[in-house]
Amino acid sequence: LTVGADWRHNLTHPWVFITHMFLHESFWHLLWNMLG
């Protein structure tokens, strides 16, 4: 679901360019991004 450094991964998973911007693993990462 995330953008990878490998171009083959990104070509075979084209949705990652959208899904990566809606995912957060850390609560603090989510909190500060959403506040800003």
Full PDB file with SEQRES, HELIX, SHEET, SSBOND, CRYST1, ORIGX, SCALE, CONECT and MASTER records, all heavy atoms in Angstrom:
SEQRES   1 A   36  LEU THR VAL GLY ALA ASP TRP ARG HIS ASN LEU THR HIS          
SEQRES   2 A   36  PRO TRP VAL PHE ILE THR HIS MET PHE LEU HIS GLU SER          
SEQRES   3 A   36  PHE TRP HIS LEU LEU TRP ASN MET LEU GLY                      
HELIX    1 AA1 TRP A    7  THR A   12  1                                   6    
HELIX    2 AA2 VAL A   16  THR A   19  1                                   4    
HELIX    3 AA3 HIS A   20  PHE A   22  5                                   3    
HELIX    4 AA4 PHE A   27  LEU A   35  1                                   9    
CRYST1    1.000    1.000    1.000  90.00  90.00  90.00 P 1           1          
ORIGX1      1.000000  0.000000  0.000000        0.00000                         
ORIGX2      0.000000  1.000000  0.000000        0.00000                         
ORIGX3      0.000000  0.000000  1.000000        0.00000                         
SCALE1      1.000000  0.000000  0.000000        0.00000                         
SCALE2      0.000000  1.000000  0.000000        0.00000                         
SCALE3      0.000000  0.000000  1.000000        0.00000                         
ATOM      1  N   LEU A   1       0.805  -1.223   0.000  1.00  0.00           N  
ATOM      2  CA  LEU A   1       0.000   0.000   0.000  1.00  0.00           C  
ATOM      3  C   LEU A   1       0.838   1.273   0.000  1.00  0.00           C  
ATOM      4  O   LEU A   1       0.293   2.371   0.007  1.00  0.00           O  
ATOM      5  CB  LEU A   1      -0.922   0.015   1.223  1.00  0.00           C  
ATOM      6  CG  LEU A   1      -1.970  -1.086   1.296  1.00  0.00           C  
ATOM      7  CD1 LEU A   1      -2.684  -1.055   2.637  1.00  0.00           C  
ATOM      8  CD2 LEU A   1      -2.959  -0.970   0.154  1.00  0.00           C  
ATOM      9  N   THR A   2       2.157   1.135  -0.004  1.00  0.00           N  
ATOM     10  CA  THR A   2       3.035   2.304   0.100  1.00  0.00           C  
ATOM     11  C   THR A   2       3.953   2.417  -1.099  1.00  0.00           C  
ATOM     12  O   THR A   2       4.233   1.432  -1.782  1.00  0.00           O  
ATOM     13  CB  THR A   2       3.883   2.219   1.379  1.00  0.00           C  
ATOM     14  OG1 THR A   2       4.641   1.010   1.349  1.00  0.00           O  
ATOM     15  CG2 THR A   2       3.013   2.255   2.623  1.00  0.00           C  
ATOM     16  N   VAL A   3       4.453   3.612  -1.353  1.00  0.00           N  
ATOM     17  CA  VAL A   3       5.383   3.850  -2.453  1.00  0.00           C  
ATOM     18  C   VAL A   3       6.717   3.224  -2.101  1.00  0.00           C  
ATOM     19  O   VAL A   3       7.256   3.461  -1.022  1.00  0.00           O  
ATOM     20  CB  VAL A   3       5.564   5.359  -2.708  1.00  0.00           C  
ATOM     21  CG1 VAL A   3       6.630   5.609  -3.760  1.00  0.00           C  
ATOM     22  CG2 VAL A   3       4.263   5.987  -3.127  1.00  0.00           C  
ATOM     23  N   GLY A   4       7.235   2.415  -3.016  1.00  0.00           N  
ATOM     24  CA  GLY A   4       8.517   1.769  -2.785  1.00  0.00           C  
ATOM     25  C   GLY A   4       9.631   2.399  -3.591  1.00  0.00           C  
ATOM     26  O   GLY A   4       9.396   3.177  -4.517  1.00  0.00           O  
ATOM     27  N   ALA A   5      10.840   2.048  -3.245  1.00  0.00           N  
ATOM     28  CA  ALA A   5      12.001   2.547  -3.985  1.00  0.00           C  
ATOM     29  C   ALA A   5      12.223   1.753  -5.267  1.00  0.00           C  
ATOM     30  O   ALA A   5      12.911   2.212  -6.167  1.00  0.00           O  
ATOM     31  CB  ALA A   5      13.242   2.473  -3.103  1.00  0.00           C  
ATOM     32  N   ASP A   6      11.619   0.577  -5.368  1.00  0.00           N  
ATOM     33  CA  ASP A   6      11.776  -0.286  -6.533  1.00  0.00           C  
ATOM     34  C   ASP A   6      10.725   0.065  -7.580  1.00  0.00           C  
ATOM     35  O   ASP A   6       9.521   0.040  -7.306  1.00  0.00           O  
ATOM     36  CB  ASP A   6      11.621  -1.751  -6.097  1.00  0.00           C  
ATOM     37  CG  ASP A   6      11.778  -2.729  -7.242  1.00  0.00           C  
ATOM     38  OD1 ASP A   6      12.465  -2.385  -8.234  1.00  0.00           O  
ATOM     39  OD2 ASP A   6      11.200  -3.822  -7.160  1.00  0.00           O  
ATOM     40  N   TRP A   7      11.164   0.374  -8.802  1.00  0.00           N  
ATOM     41  CA  TRP A   7      10.229   0.775  -9.844  1.00  0.00           C  
ATOM     42  C   TRP A   7       9.290  -0.361 -10.240  1.00  0.00           C  
ATOM     43  O   TRP A   7       8.147  -0.128 -10.607  1.00  0.00           O  
ATOM     44  CB  TRP A   7      10.968   1.326 -11.060  1.00  0.00           C  
ATOM     45  CG  TRP A   7      11.848   0.323 -11.761  1.00  0.00           C  
ATOM     46  CD1 TRP A   7      13.156   0.066 -11.496  1.00  0.00           C  
ATOM     47  CD2 TRP A   7      11.473  -0.547 -12.818  1.00  0.00           C  
ATOM     48  NE1 TRP A   7      13.622  -0.919 -12.319  1.00  0.00           N  
ATOM     49  CE2 TRP A   7      12.600  -1.310 -13.160  1.00  0.00           C  
ATOM     50  CE3 TRP A   7      10.294  -0.750 -13.520  1.00  0.00           C  
ATOM     51  CZ2 TRP A   7      12.582  -2.271 -14.151  1.00  0.00           C  
ATOM     52  CZ3 TRP A   7      10.276  -1.698 -14.527  1.00  0.00           C  
ATOM     53  CH2 TRP A   7      11.424  -2.451 -14.830  1.00  0.00           C  
ATOM     54  N   ARG A   8       9.746  -1.625 -10.143  1.00  0.00           N  
ATOM     55  CA  ARG A   8       8.866  -2.758 -10.478  1.00  0.00           C  
ATOM     56  C   ARG A   8       7.692  -2.838  -9.502  1.00  0.00           C  
ATOM     57  O   ARG A   8       6.570  -3.127  -9.894  1.00  0.00           O  
ATOM     58  CB  ARG A   8       9.654  -4.068 -10.476  1.00  0.00           C  
ATOM     59  CG  ARG A   8      10.453  -4.267 -11.750  1.00  0.00           C  
ATOM     60  CD  ARG A   8      11.236  -5.583 -11.723  1.00  0.00           C  
ATOM     61  NE  ARG A   8      12.634  -5.234 -11.893  1.00  0.00           N  
ATOM     62  CZ  ARG A   8      13.573  -5.315 -10.955  1.00  0.00           C  
ATOM     63  NH1 ARG A   8      13.305  -5.800  -9.782  1.00  0.00           N  
ATOM     64  NH2 ARG A   8      14.794  -4.947 -11.203  1.00  0.00           N  
ATOM     65  N   HIS A   9       7.979  -2.587  -8.250  1.00  0.00           N  
ATOM     66  CA  HIS A   9       6.911  -2.590  -7.243  1.00  0.00           C  
ATOM     67  C   HIS A   9       5.859  -1.526  -7.566  1.00  0.00           C  
ATOM     68  O   HIS A   9       4.663  -1.793  -7.521  1.00  0.00           O  
ATOM     69  CB  HIS A   9       7.497  -2.338  -5.853  1.00  0.00           C  
ATOM     70  CG  HIS A   9       6.464  -2.019  -4.824  1.00  0.00           C  
ATOM     71  ND1 HIS A   9       5.646  -2.964  -4.268  1.00  0.00           N  
ATOM     72  CD2 HIS A   9       6.091  -0.841  -4.272  1.00  0.00           C  
ATOM     73  CE1 HIS A   9       4.821  -2.395  -3.406  1.00  0.00           C  
ATOM     74  NE2 HIS A   9       5.076  -1.101  -3.393  1.00  0.00           N  
ATOM     75  N   ASN A  10       6.305  -0.329  -7.897  1.00  0.00           N  
ATOM     76  CA  ASN A  10       5.378   0.764  -8.178  1.00  0.00           C  
ATOM     77  C   ASN A  10       4.589   0.537  -9.470  1.00  0.00           C  
ATOM     78  O   ASN A  10       3.432   0.938  -9.558  1.00  0.00           O  
ATOM     79  CB  ASN A  10       6.117   2.094  -8.229  1.00  0.00           C  
ATOM     80  CG  ASN A  10       6.706   2.454  -6.886  1.00  0.00           C  
ATOM     81  OD1 ASN A  10       6.175   2.086  -5.842  1.00  0.00           O  
ATOM     82  ND2 ASN A  10       7.817   3.161  -6.904  1.00  0.00           N  
ATOM     83  N   LEU A  11       5.206  -0.104 -10.451  1.00  0.00           N  
ATOM     84  CA  LEU A  11       4.476  -0.408 -11.695  1.00  0.00           C  
ATOM     85  C   LEU A  11       3.439  -1.505 -11.495  1.00  0.00           C  
ATOM     86  O   LEU A  11       2.373  -1.466 -12.104  1.00  0.00           O  
ATOM     87  CB  LEU A  11       5.447  -0.817 -12.807  1.00  0.00           C  
ATOM     88  CG  LEU A  11       6.192   0.306 -13.503  1.00  0.00           C  
ATOM     89  CD1 LEU A  11       7.142  -0.250 -14.548  1.00  0.00           C  
ATOM     90  CD2 LEU A  11       5.225   1.291 -14.131  1.00  0.00           C  
ATOM     91  N   THR A  12       3.738  -2.476 -10.671  1.00  0.00           N  
ATOM     92  CA  THR A  12       2.783  -3.570 -10.434  1.00  0.00           C  
ATOM     93  C   THR A  12       1.760  -3.229  -9.364  1.00  0.00           C  
ATOM     94  O   THR A  12       0.780  -3.955  -9.204  1.00  0.00           O  
ATOM     95  CB  THR A  12       3.514  -4.872 -10.045  1.00  0.00           C  
ATOM     96  OG1 THR A  12       4.310  -4.624  -8.875  1.00  0.00           O  
ATOM     97  CG2 THR A  12       4.387  -5.361 -11.191  1.00  0.00           C  
ATOM     98  N   HIS A  13       1.984  -2.156  -8.628  1.00  0.00           N  
ATOM     99  CA  HIS A  13       1.041  -1.686  -7.610  1.00  0.00           C  
ATOM    100  C   HIS A  13       0.753  -0.198  -7.863  1.00  0.00           C  
ATOM    101  O   HIS A  13       1.139   0.653  -7.062  1.00  0.00           O  
ATOM    102  CB  HIS A  13       1.620  -1.846  -6.203  1.00  0.00           C  
ATOM    103  CG  HIS A  13       1.952  -3.244  -5.826  1.00  0.00           C  
ATOM    104  ND1 HIS A  13       3.118  -3.858  -6.213  1.00  0.00           N  
ATOM    105  CD2 HIS A  13       1.262  -4.143  -5.097  1.00  0.00           C  
ATOM    106  CE1 HIS A  13       3.146  -5.085  -5.723  1.00  0.00           C  
ATOM    107  NE2 HIS A  13       2.025  -5.289  -5.052  1.00  0.00           N  
ATOM    108  N   PRO A  14       0.057   0.144  -8.940  1.00  0.00           N  
ATOM    109  CA  PRO A  14      -0.111   1.571  -9.278  1.00  0.00           C  
ATOM    110  C   PRO A  14      -0.932   2.362  -8.264  1.00  0.00           C  
ATOM    111  O   PRO A  14      -0.837   3.583  -8.208  1.00  0.00           O  
ATOM    112  CB  PRO A  14      -0.811   1.539 -10.638  1.00  0.00           C  
ATOM    113  CG  PRO A  14      -1.452   0.200 -10.721  1.00  0.00           C  
ATOM    114  CD  PRO A  14      -0.598  -0.732  -9.911  1.00  0.00           C  
ATOM    115  N   TRP A  15      -1.723   1.697  -7.443  1.00  0.00           N  
ATOM    116  CA  TRP A  15      -2.549   2.381  -6.447  1.00  0.00           C  
ATOM    117  C   TRP A  15      -1.719   2.989  -5.322  1.00  0.00           C  
ATOM    118  O   TRP A  15      -2.204   3.837  -4.594  1.00  0.00           O  
ATOM    119  CB  TRP A  15      -3.591   1.424  -5.856  1.00  0.00           C  
ATOM    120  CG  TRP A  15      -2.981   0.198  -5.254  1.00  0.00           C  
ATOM    121  CD1 TRP A  15      -2.477   0.058  -4.004  1.00  0.00           C  
ATOM    122  CD2 TRP A  15      -2.781  -1.050  -5.897  1.00  0.00           C  
ATOM    123  NE1 TRP A  15      -1.975  -1.198  -3.813  1.00  0.00           N  
ATOM    124  CE2 TRP A  15      -2.147  -1.908  -4.983  1.00  0.00           C  
ATOM    125  CE3 TRP A  15      -3.073  -1.542  -7.171  1.00  0.00           C  
ATOM    126  CZ2 TRP A  15      -1.806  -3.218  -5.282  1.00  0.00           C  
ATOM    127  CZ3 TRP A  15      -2.734  -2.844  -7.469  1.00  0.00           C  
ATOM    128  CH2 TRP A  15      -2.106  -3.668  -6.529  1.00  0.00           C  
ATOM    129  N   VAL A  16      -0.454   2.582  -5.191  1.00  0.00           N  
ATOM    130  CA  VAL A  16       0.348   3.056  -4.061  1.00  0.00           C  
ATOM    131  C   VAL A  16       0.558   4.561  -4.082  1.00  0.00           C  
ATOM    132  O   VAL A  16       0.756   5.165  -3.036  1.00  0.00           O  
ATOM    133  CB  VAL A  16       1.713   2.331  -3.978  1.00  0.00           C  
ATOM    134  CG1 VAL A  16       1.526   0.853  -3.757  1.00  0.00           C  
ATOM    135  CG2 VAL A  16       2.569   2.624  -5.190  1.00  0.00           C  
ATOM    136  N   PHE A  17       0.496   5.166  -5.268  1.00  0.00           N  
ATOM    137  CA  PHE A  17       0.703   6.609  -5.349  1.00  0.00           C  
ATOM    138  C   PHE A  17      -0.464   7.382  -4.731  1.00  0.00           C  
ATOM    139  O   PHE A  17      -0.325   8.546  -4.400  1.00  0.00           O  
ATOM    140  CB  PHE A  17       0.946   7.043  -6.792  1.00  0.00           C  
ATOM    141  CG  PHE A  17       2.311   6.655  -7.283  1.00  0.00           C  
ATOM    142  CD1 PHE A  17       2.487   5.551  -8.094  1.00  0.00           C  
ATOM    143  CD2 PHE A  17       3.425   7.374  -6.887  1.00  0.00           C  
ATOM    144  CE1 PHE A  17       3.750   5.182  -8.519  1.00  0.00           C  
ATOM    145  CE2 PHE A  17       4.693   7.018  -7.309  1.00  0.00           C  
ATOM    146  CZ  PHE A  17       4.854   5.920  -8.122  1.00  0.00           C  
ATOM    147  N   ILE A  18      -1.611   6.727  -4.557  1.00  0.00           N  
ATOM    148  CA  ILE A  18      -2.751   7.337  -3.868  1.00  0.00           C  
ATOM    149  C   ILE A  18      -2.820   6.857  -2.416  1.00  0.00           C  
ATOM    150  O   ILE A  18      -2.978   7.656  -1.492  1.00  0.00           O  
ATOM    151  CB  ILE A  18      -4.073   7.017  -4.590  1.00  0.00           C  
ATOM    152  CG1 ILE A  18      -4.071   7.555  -6.021  1.00  0.00           C  
ATOM    153  CG2 ILE A  18      -5.271   7.554  -3.812  1.00  0.00           C  
ATOM    154  CD1 ILE A  18      -4.008   9.059  -6.127  1.00  0.00           C  
ATOM    155  N   THR A  19      -2.693   5.549  -2.202  1.00  0.00           N  
ATOM    156  CA  THR A  19      -2.912   4.996  -0.860  1.00  0.00           C  
ATOM    157  C   THR A  19      -1.861   5.445   0.153  1.00  0.00           C  
ATOM    158  O   THR A  19      -2.167   5.565   1.337  1.00  0.00           O  
ATOM    159  CB  THR A  19      -2.959   3.457  -0.885  1.00  0.00           C  
ATOM    160  OG1 THR A  19      -1.747   2.955  -1.455  1.00  0.00           O  
ATOM    161  CG2 THR A  19      -4.152   2.971  -1.677  1.00  0.00           C  
ATOM    162  N   HIS A  20      -0.631   5.695  -0.297  1.00  0.00           N  
ATOM    163  CA  HIS A  20       0.423   6.040   0.669  1.00  0.00           C  
ATOM    164  C   HIS A  20       0.118   7.310   1.439  1.00  0.00           C  
ATOM    165  O   HIS A  20       0.515   7.459   2.578  1.00  0.00           O  
ATOM    166  CB  HIS A  20       1.789   6.151  -0.035  1.00  0.00           C  
ATOM    167  CG  HIS A  20       2.042   7.490  -0.648  1.00  0.00           C  
ATOM    168  ND1 HIS A  20       1.552   7.837  -1.886  1.00  0.00           N  
ATOM    169  CD2 HIS A  20       2.712   8.569  -0.189  1.00  0.00           C  
ATOM    170  CE1 HIS A  20       1.927   9.071  -2.169  1.00  0.00           C  
ATOM    171  NE2 HIS A  20       2.627   9.539  -1.159  1.00  0.00           N  
ATOM    172  N   MET A  21      -0.614   8.235   0.832  1.00  0.00           N  
ATOM    173  CA  MET A  21      -0.847   9.523   1.496  1.00  0.00           C  
ATOM    174  C   MET A  21      -1.997   9.487   2.501  1.00  0.00           C  
ATOM    175  O   MET A  21      -2.283  10.484   3.151  1.00  0.00           O  
ATOM    176  CB  MET A  21      -1.051  10.625   0.461  1.00  0.00           C  
ATOM    177  CG  MET A  21      -2.291  10.515  -0.360  1.00  0.00           C  
ATOM    178  SD  MET A  21      -2.415  11.789  -1.618  1.00  0.00           S  
ATOM    179  CE  MET A  21      -1.633  10.990  -3.002  1.00  0.00           C  
ATOM    180  N   PHE A  22      -2.645   8.331   2.639  1.00  0.00           N  
ATOM    181  CA  PHE A  22      -3.731   8.181   3.601  1.00  0.00           C  
ATOM    182  C   PHE A  22      -3.373   7.207   4.726  1.00  0.00           C  
ATOM    183  O   PHE A  22      -4.237   6.823   5.500  1.00  0.00           O  
ATOM    184  CB  PHE A  22      -5.005   7.702   2.899  1.00  0.00           C  
ATOM    185  CG  PHE A  22      -5.567   8.709   1.938  1.00  0.00           C  
ATOM    186  CD1 PHE A  22      -5.363   8.588   0.577  1.00  0.00           C  
ATOM    187  CD2 PHE A  22      -6.293   9.795   2.406  1.00  0.00           C  
ATOM    188  CE1 PHE A  22      -5.877   9.517  -0.306  1.00  0.00           C  
ATOM    189  CE2 PHE A  22      -6.814  10.733   1.533  1.00  0.00           C  
ATOM    190  CZ  PHE A  22      -6.604  10.593   0.169  1.00  0.00           C  
ATOM    191  N   LEU A  23      -2.114   6.796   4.802  1.00  0.00           N  
ATOM    192  CA  LEU A  23      -1.692   5.800   5.790  1.00  0.00           C  
ATOM    193  C   LEU A  23      -0.651   6.368   6.743  1.00  0.00           C  
ATOM    194  O   LEU A  23       0.261   7.084   6.318  1.00  0.00           O  
ATOM    195  CB  LEU A  23      -1.105   4.572   5.082  1.00  0.00           C  
ATOM    196  CG  LEU A  23      -2.027   3.834   4.117  1.00  0.00           C  
ATOM    197  CD1 LEU A  23      -1.261   2.744   3.396  1.00  0.00           C  
ATOM    198  CD2 LEU A  23      -3.215   3.264   4.849  1.00  0.00           C  
ATOM    199  N   HIS A  24      -0.797   6.040   8.013  1.00  0.00           N  
ATOM    200  CA  HIS A  24       0.166   6.421   9.044  1.00  0.00           C  
ATOM    201  C   HIS A  24       0.308   5.243   9.998  1.00  0.00           C  
ATOM    202  O   HIS A  24      -0.685   4.649  10.393  1.00  0.00           O  
ATOM    203  CB  HIS A  24      -0.326   7.642   9.829  1.00  0.00           C  
ATOM    204  CG  HIS A  24      -0.478   8.866   8.994  1.00  0.00           C  
ATOM    205  ND1 HIS A  24      -1.583   9.104   8.224  1.00  0.00           N  
ATOM    206  CD2 HIS A  24       0.342   9.924   8.816  1.00  0.00           C  
ATOM    207  CE1 HIS A  24      -1.444  10.257   7.605  1.00  0.00           C  
ATOM    208  NE2 HIS A  24      -0.274  10.776   7.947  1.00  0.00           N  
ATOM    209  N   GLU A  25       1.538   4.925  10.371  1.00  0.00           N  
ATOM    210  CA  GLU A  25       1.769   3.847  11.342  1.00  0.00           C  
ATOM    211  C   GLU A  25       1.845   4.371  12.769  1.00  0.00           C  
ATOM    212  O   GLU A  25       1.470   3.688  13.692  1.00  0.00           O  
ATOM    213  CB  GLU A  25       3.071   3.120  11.023  1.00  0.00           C  
ATOM    214  CG  GLU A  25       2.897   1.997  10.044  1.00  0.00           C  
ATOM    215  CD  GLU A  25       4.110   1.101  10.044  1.00  0.00           C  
ATOM    216  OE1 GLU A  25       5.204   1.579   9.709  1.00  0.00           O  
ATOM    217  OE2 GLU A  25       3.946  -0.070  10.398  1.00  0.00           O  
ATOM    218  N   SER A  26       2.312   5.573  12.935  1.00  0.00           N  
ATOM    219  CA  SER A  26       2.502   6.140  14.267  1.00  0.00           C  
ATOM    220  C   SER A  26       1.380   7.126  14.585  1.00  0.00           C  
ATOM    221  O   SER A  26       0.978   7.928  13.737  1.00  0.00           O  
ATOM    222  CB  SER A  26       3.855   6.856  14.316  1.00  0.00           C  
ATOM    223  OG  SER A  26       3.909   7.770  15.370  1.00  0.00           O  
ATOM    224  N   PHE A  27       0.912   7.090  15.822  1.00  0.00           N  
ATOM    225  CA  PHE A  27      -0.117   8.031  16.256  1.00  0.00           C  
ATOM    226  C   PHE A  27       0.374   9.468  16.141  1.00  0.00           C  
ATOM    227  O   PHE A  27      -0.358  10.363  15.723  1.00  0.00           O  
ATOM    228  CB  PHE A  27      -0.547   7.723  17.698  1.00  0.00           C  
ATOM    229  CG  PHE A  27      -1.450   8.768  18.269  1.00  0.00           C  
ATOM    230  CD1 PHE A  27      -2.782   8.832  17.886  1.00  0.00           C  
ATOM    231  CD2 PHE A  27      -0.964   9.711  19.167  1.00  0.00           C  
ATOM    232  CE1 PHE A  27      -3.619   9.822  18.394  1.00  0.00           C  
ATOM    233  CE2 PHE A  27      -1.798  10.691  19.683  1.00  0.00           C  
ATOM    234  CZ  PHE A  27      -3.123  10.743  19.298  1.00  0.00           C  
ATOM    235  N   TRP A  28       1.629   9.705  16.532  1.00  0.00           N  
ATOM    236  CA  TRP A  28       2.164  11.067  16.504  1.00  0.00           C  
ATOM    237  C   TRP A  28       2.323  11.564  15.081  1.00  0.00           C  
ATOM    238  O   TRP A  28       2.112  12.749  14.802  1.00  0.00           O  
ATOM    239  CB  TRP A  28       3.480  11.140  17.276  1.00  0.00           C  
ATOM    240  CG  TRP A  28       3.262  10.841  18.719  1.00  0.00           C  
ATOM    241  CD1 TRP A  28       3.647   9.714  19.386  1.00  0.00           C  
ATOM    242  CD2 TRP A  28       2.541  11.636  19.666  1.00  0.00           C  
ATOM    243  NE1 TRP A  28       3.218   9.772  20.687  1.00  0.00           N  
ATOM    244  CE2 TRP A  28       2.541  10.941  20.888  1.00  0.00           C  
ATOM    245  CE3 TRP A  28       1.902  12.862  19.603  1.00  0.00           C  
ATOM    246  CZ2 TRP A  28       1.937  11.442  22.022  1.00  0.00           C  
ATOM    247  CZ3 TRP A  28       1.296  13.355  20.742  1.00  0.00           C  
ATOM    248  CH2 TRP A  28       1.314  12.651  21.921  1.00  0.00           C  
ATOM    249  N   HIS A  29       2.715  10.697  14.164  1.00  0.00           N  
ATOM    250  CA  HIS A  29       2.815  11.053  12.751  1.00  0.00           C  
ATOM    251  C   HIS A  29       1.440  11.486  12.246  1.00  0.00           C  
ATOM    252  O   HIS A  29       1.302  12.520  11.584  1.00  0.00           O  
ATOM    253  CB  HIS A  29       3.352   9.847  11.968  1.00  0.00           C  
ATOM    254  CG  HIS A  29       3.645  10.121  10.537  1.00  0.00           C  
ATOM    255  ND1 HIS A  29       3.722   9.111   9.609  1.00  0.00           N  
ATOM    256  CD2 HIS A  29       3.882  11.258   9.858  1.00  0.00           C  
ATOM    257  CE1 HIS A  29       3.983   9.629   8.427  1.00  0.00           C  
ATOM    258  NE2 HIS A  29       4.094  10.931   8.553  1.00  0.00           N  
ATOM    259  N   LEU A  30       0.430  10.708  12.577  1.00  0.00           N  
ATOM    260  CA  LEU A  30      -0.943  11.034  12.182  1.00  0.00           C  
ATOM    261  C   LEU A  30      -1.386  12.355  12.820  1.00  0.00           C  
ATOM    262  O   LEU A  30      -1.918  13.240  12.137  1.00  0.00           O  
ATOM    263  CB  LEU A  30      -1.898   9.911  12.592  1.00  0.00           C  
ATOM    264  CG  LEU A  30      -3.384  10.194  12.404  1.00  0.00           C  
ATOM    265  CD1 LEU A  30      -3.749  10.126  10.930  1.00  0.00           C  
ATOM    266  CD2 LEU A  30      -4.219   9.214  13.202  1.00  0.00           C  
ATOM    267  N   LEU A  31      -1.166  12.501  14.115  1.00  0.00           N  
ATOM    268  CA  LEU A  31      -1.624  13.683  14.833  1.00  0.00           C  
ATOM    269  C   LEU A  31      -1.042  14.961  14.254  1.00  0.00           C  
ATOM    270  O   LEU A  31      -1.772  15.905  13.935  1.00  0.00           O  
ATOM    271  CB  LEU A  31      -1.278  13.574  16.319  1.00  0.00           C  
ATOM    272  CG  LEU A  31      -1.672  14.783  17.165  1.00  0.00           C  
ATOM    273  CD1 LEU A  31      -3.180  14.894  17.286  1.00  0.00           C  
ATOM    274  CD2 LEU A  31      -1.018  14.721  18.523  1.00  0.00           C  
ATOM    275  N   TRP A  32       0.270  15.014  14.089  1.00  0.00           N  
ATOM    276  CA  TRP A  32       0.897  16.250  13.620  1.00  0.00           C  
ATOM    277  C   TRP A  32       0.556  16.541  12.167  1.00  0.00           C  
ATOM    278  O   TRP A  32       0.364  17.709  11.791  1.00  0.00           O  
ATOM    279  CB  TRP A  32       2.407  16.230  13.852  1.00  0.00           C  
ATOM    280  CG  TRP A  32       2.725  16.232  15.309  1.00  0.00           C  
ATOM    281  CD1 TRP A  32       3.339  15.259  16.026  1.00  0.00           C  
ATOM    282  CD2 TRP A  32       2.389  17.261  16.257  1.00  0.00           C  
ATOM    283  NE1 TRP A  32       3.404  15.613  17.355  1.00  0.00           N  
ATOM    284  CE2 TRP A  32       2.829  16.838  17.531  1.00  0.00           C  
ATOM    285  CE3 TRP A  32       1.747  18.495  16.165  1.00  0.00           C  
ATOM    286  CZ2 TRP A  32       2.667  17.612  18.677  1.00  0.00           C  
ATOM    287  CZ3 TRP A  32       1.586  19.257  17.314  1.00  0.00           C  
ATOM    288  CH2 TRP A  32       2.045  18.808  18.543  1.00  0.00           C  
ATOM    289  N   ASN A  33       0.476  15.498  11.331  1.00  0.00           N  
ATOM    290  CA  ASN A  33       0.060  15.720   9.944  1.00  0.00           C  
ATOM    291  C   ASN A  33      -1.361  16.250   9.870  1.00  0.00           C  
ATOM    292  O   ASN A  33      -1.659  17.155   9.099  1.00  0.00           O  
ATOM    293  CB  ASN A  33       0.174  14.434   9.125  1.00  0.00           C  
ATOM    294  CG  ASN A  33       1.548  14.217   8.567  1.00  0.00           C  
ATOM    295  OD1 ASN A  33       2.334  15.143   8.431  1.00  0.00           O  
ATOM    296  ND2 ASN A  33       1.854  12.985   8.241  1.00  0.00           N  
ATOM    297  N   MET A  34      -2.261  15.690  10.666  1.00  0.00           N  
ATOM    298  CA  MET A  34      -3.659  16.111  10.603  1.00  0.00           C  
ATOM    299  C   MET A  34      -3.856  17.499  11.211  1.00  0.00           C  
ATOM    300  O   MET A  34      -4.673  18.280  10.716  1.00  0.00           O  
ATOM    301  CB  MET A  34      -4.574  15.092  11.290  1.00  0.00           C  
ATOM    302  CG  MET A  34      -4.627  13.747  10.591  1.00  0.00           C  
ATOM    303  SD  MET A  34      -5.082  13.835   8.850  1.00  0.00           S  
ATOM    304  CE  MET A  34      -3.501  13.620   8.031  1.00  0.00           C  
ATOM    305  N   LEU A  35      -3.116  17.821  12.261  1.00  0.00           N  
ATOM    306  CA  LEU A  35      -3.199  19.178  12.814  1.00  0.00           C  
ATOM    307  C   LEU A  35      -2.719  20.216  11.802  1.00  0.00           C  
ATOM    308  O   LEU A  35      -3.372  21.229  11.570  1.00  0.00           O  
ATOM    309  CB  LEU A  35      -2.393  19.291  14.106  1.00  0.00           C  
ATOM    310  CG  LEU A  35      -3.037  18.702  15.346  1.00  0.00           C  
ATOM    311  CD1 LEU A  35      -2.071  18.759  16.526  1.00  0.00           C  
ATOM    312  CD2 LEU A  35      -4.327  19.421  15.691  1.00  0.00           C  
ATOM    313  N   GLY A  36      -1.578  19.957  11.192  1.00  0.00           N  
ATOM    314  CA  GLY A  36      -1.066  20.875  10.168  1.00  0.00           C  
ATOM    315  C   GLY A  36      -1.985  20.961   8.975  1.00  0.00           C  
ATOM    316  O   GLY A  36      -2.240  22.046   8.434  1.00  0.00           O  
TER     317      GLY A  36                                                      
MASTER        0    0    0    4    0    0    0    6  316    1    0    3          
END                                                                             
